[in-house]
Amino acid sequence: MASARTRRVAAFVGGGAVIAMIGFTAGCASDSETPEETTPTTTTTTTTPPPVSPTEKAPDPDGPNIFTPPVQAPQNTVNPGRDDYGQ
């Protein structure tokens, strides 16, 4: 019998928790209407901007790339008079 009573109490407490969560969710919801904003009517005049001056042309695609540094071969690190073991 204690088992049935424990189950009923647990179900009652769980149901109360669910109802409390629903109440908190409904209470914290922001469904209120926002007031309408009135926008003042204004007239604007637009002017055309002056023509854009041409920019510099891009580098020649067939020519050297001016943004890449020149390639240099690595220096020789082995003495020609010695073998691989330094003798």
C-alpha atoms as a PDB file:
ATOM      1  CA  MET A   1       0.000   0.000   0.000  1.00  0.00           C
ATOM      2  CA  ALA A   2       2.838   2.386   0.648  1.00  0.00           C
ATOM      3  CA  SER A   3       3.876   1.919  -2.959  1.00  0.00           C
ATOM      4  CA  ALA A   4       0.480   3.063  -4.320  1.00  0.00           C
ATOM      5  CA  ARG A   5       0.438   6.054  -2.014  1.00  0.00           C
ATOM      6  CA  THR A   6       3.986   7.019  -3.057  1.00  0.00           C
ATOM      7  CA  ARG A   7       2.986   6.846  -6.718  1.00  0.00           C
ATOM      8  CA  ARG A   8      -0.033   9.069  -6.141  1.00  0.00           C
ATOM      9  CA  VAL A   9       2.016  11.641  -4.257  1.00  0.00           C
ATOM     10  CA  ALA A  10       4.697  11.615  -6.959  1.00  0.00           C
ATOM     11  CA  ALA A  11       2.070  12.024  -9.701  1.00  0.00           C
ATOM     12  CA  PHE A  12       0.444  14.889  -7.790  1.00  0.00           C
ATOM     13  CA  VAL A  13       3.781  16.669  -7.250  1.00  0.00           C
ATOM     14  CA  GLY A  14       4.779  16.142 -10.904  1.00  0.00           C
ATOM     15  CA  GLY A  15       1.448  17.467 -12.137  1.00  0.00           C
ATOM     16  CA  GLY A  16       1.807  20.513  -9.907  1.00  0.00           C
ATOM     17  CA  ALA A  17       5.274  21.137 -11.310  1.00  0.00           C
ATOM     18  CA  VAL A  18       3.948  20.950 -14.876  1.00  0.00           C
ATOM     19  CA  ILE A  19       1.133  23.367 -14.063  1.00  0.00           C
ATOM     20  CA  ALA A  20       3.622  25.731 -12.376  1.00  0.00           C
ATOM     21  CA  MET A  21       5.893  25.695 -15.448  1.00  0.00           C
ATOM     22  CA  ILE A  22       2.932  26.468 -17.711  1.00  0.00           C
ATOM     23  CA  GLY A  23       1.971  29.351 -15.438  1.00  0.00           C
ATOM     24  CA  PHE A  24       5.503  30.786 -15.422  1.00  0.00           C
ATOM     25  CA  THR A  25       5.747  30.480 -19.188  1.00  0.00           C
ATOM     26  CA  ALA A  26       2.426  32.222 -19.714  1.00  0.00           C
ATOM     27  CA  GLY A  27       3.291  34.931 -17.199  1.00  0.00           C
ATOM     28  CA  CYS A  28       6.672  35.715 -18.758  1.00  0.00           C
ATOM     29  CA  ALA A  29       5.473  35.681 -22.360  1.00  0.00           C
ATOM     30  CA  SER A  30       5.494  39.021 -24.118  1.00  0.00           C
ATOM     31  CA  ASP A  31       2.344  38.897 -26.228  1.00  0.00           C
ATOM     32  CA  SER A  32       1.479  42.505 -25.505  1.00  0.00           C
ATOM     33  CA  GLU A  33       0.929  44.676 -28.532  1.00  0.00           C
ATOM     34  CA  THR A  34       3.544  47.224 -29.324  1.00  0.00           C
ATOM     35  CA  PRO A  35       2.223  50.741 -29.822  1.00  0.00           C
ATOM     36  CA  GLU A  36       2.029  51.938 -33.383  1.00  0.00           C
ATOM     37  CA  GLU A  37       4.770  54.299 -34.330  1.00  0.00           C
ATOM     38  CA  THR A  38       3.859  57.355 -36.278  1.00  0.00           C
ATOM     39  CA  THR A  39       6.375  58.479 -38.836  1.00  0.00           C
ATOM     40  CA  PRO A  40       6.446  62.124 -39.803  1.00  0.00           C
ATOM     41  CA  THR A  41       6.064  62.787 -43.509  1.00  0.00           C
ATOM     42  CA  THR A  42       9.093  64.521 -44.945  1.00  0.00           C
ATOM     43  CA  THR A  43      10.087  65.395 -48.464  1.00  0.00           C
ATOM     44  CA  THR A  44      13.603  64.702 -49.593  1.00  0.00           C
ATOM     45  CA  THR A  45      15.473  65.946 -52.598  1.00  0.00           C
ATOM     46  CA  THR A  46      18.089  63.781 -54.222  1.00  0.00           C
ATOM     47  CA  THR A  47      21.058  64.981 -56.181  1.00  0.00           C
ATOM     48  CA  THR A  48      23.157  62.899 -58.502  1.00  0.00           C
ATOM     49  CA  PRO A  49      26.739  62.415 -57.371  1.00  0.00           C
ATOM     50  CA  PRO A  50      29.570  63.557 -59.643  1.00  0.00           C
ATOM     51  CA  PRO A  51      30.895  60.918 -62.050  1.00  0.00           C
ATOM     52  CA  VAL A  52      33.476  58.572 -60.618  1.00  0.00           C
ATOM     53  CA  SER A  53      37.016  59.011 -61.859  1.00  0.00           C
ATOM     54  CA  PRO A  54      38.600  55.938 -63.464  1.00  0.00           C
ATOM     55  CA  THR A  55      40.971  53.914 -61.333  1.00  0.00           C
ATOM     56  CA  GLU A  56      44.373  52.571 -62.189  1.00  0.00           C
ATOM     57  CA  LYS A  57      44.392  49.543 -64.442  1.00  0.00           C
ATOM     58  CA  ALA A  58      45.318  46.139 -63.053  1.00  0.00           C
ATOM     59  CA  PRO A  59      48.788  44.695 -63.768  1.00  0.00           C
ATOM     60  CA  ASP A  60      49.311  42.976 -67.096  1.00  0.00           C
ATOM     61  CA  PRO A  61      48.166  39.325 -66.747  1.00  0.00           C
ATOM     62  CA  ASP A  62      50.971  38.116 -69.033  1.00  0.00           C
ATOM     63  CA  GLY A  63      53.661  40.149 -67.312  1.00  0.00           C
ATOM     64  CA  PRO A  64      55.486  39.507 -64.033  1.00  0.00           C
ATOM     65  CA  ASN A  65      53.451  39.607 -60.854  1.00  0.00           C
ATOM     66  CA  ILE A  66      54.467  42.715 -58.938  1.00  0.00           C
ATOM     67  CA  PHE A  67      53.145  41.305 -55.654  1.00  0.00           C
ATOM     68  CA  THR A  68      55.363  38.198 -55.612  1.00  0.00           C
ATOM     69  CA  PRO A  69      58.978  38.492 -54.427  1.00  0.00           C
ATOM     70  CA  PRO A  70      61.657  37.181 -56.789  1.00  0.00           C
ATOM     71  CA  VAL A  71      62.586  33.526 -56.401  1.00  0.00           C
ATOM     72  CA  GLN A  72      66.068  32.794 -55.081  1.00  0.00           C
ATOM     73  CA  ALA A  73      67.665  29.367 -55.158  1.00  0.00           C
ATOM     74  CA  PRO A  74      68.702  27.926 -51.772  1.00  0.00           C
ATOM     75  CA  GLN A  75      72.361  28.070 -50.866  1.00  0.00           C
ATOM     76  CA  ASN A  76      74.503  24.964 -51.101  1.00  0.00           C
ATOM     77  CA  THR A  77      74.960  23.478 -47.616  1.00  0.00           C
ATOM     78  CA  VAL A  78      77.353  20.605 -48.414  1.00  0.00           C
ATOM     79  CA  ASN A  79      81.080  21.139 -48.905  1.00  0.00           C
ATOM     80  CA  PRO A  80      82.063  19.686 -52.274  1.00  0.00           C
ATOM     81  CA  GLY A  81      85.278  18.182 -50.865  1.00  0.00           C
ATOM     82  CA  ARG A  82      83.523  16.061 -48.192  1.00  0.00           C
ATOM     83  CA  ASP A  83      81.202  13.081 -48.375  1.00  0.00           C
ATOM     84  CA  ASP A  84      77.775  12.742 -46.705  1.00  0.00           C
ATOM     85  CA  TYR A  85      79.303  12.002 -43.285  1.00  0.00           C
ATOM     86  CA  GLY A  86      81.535  15.083 -43.163  1.00  0.00           C
ATOM     87  CA  GLN A  87      84.893  13.300 -43.741  1.00  0.00           C
END
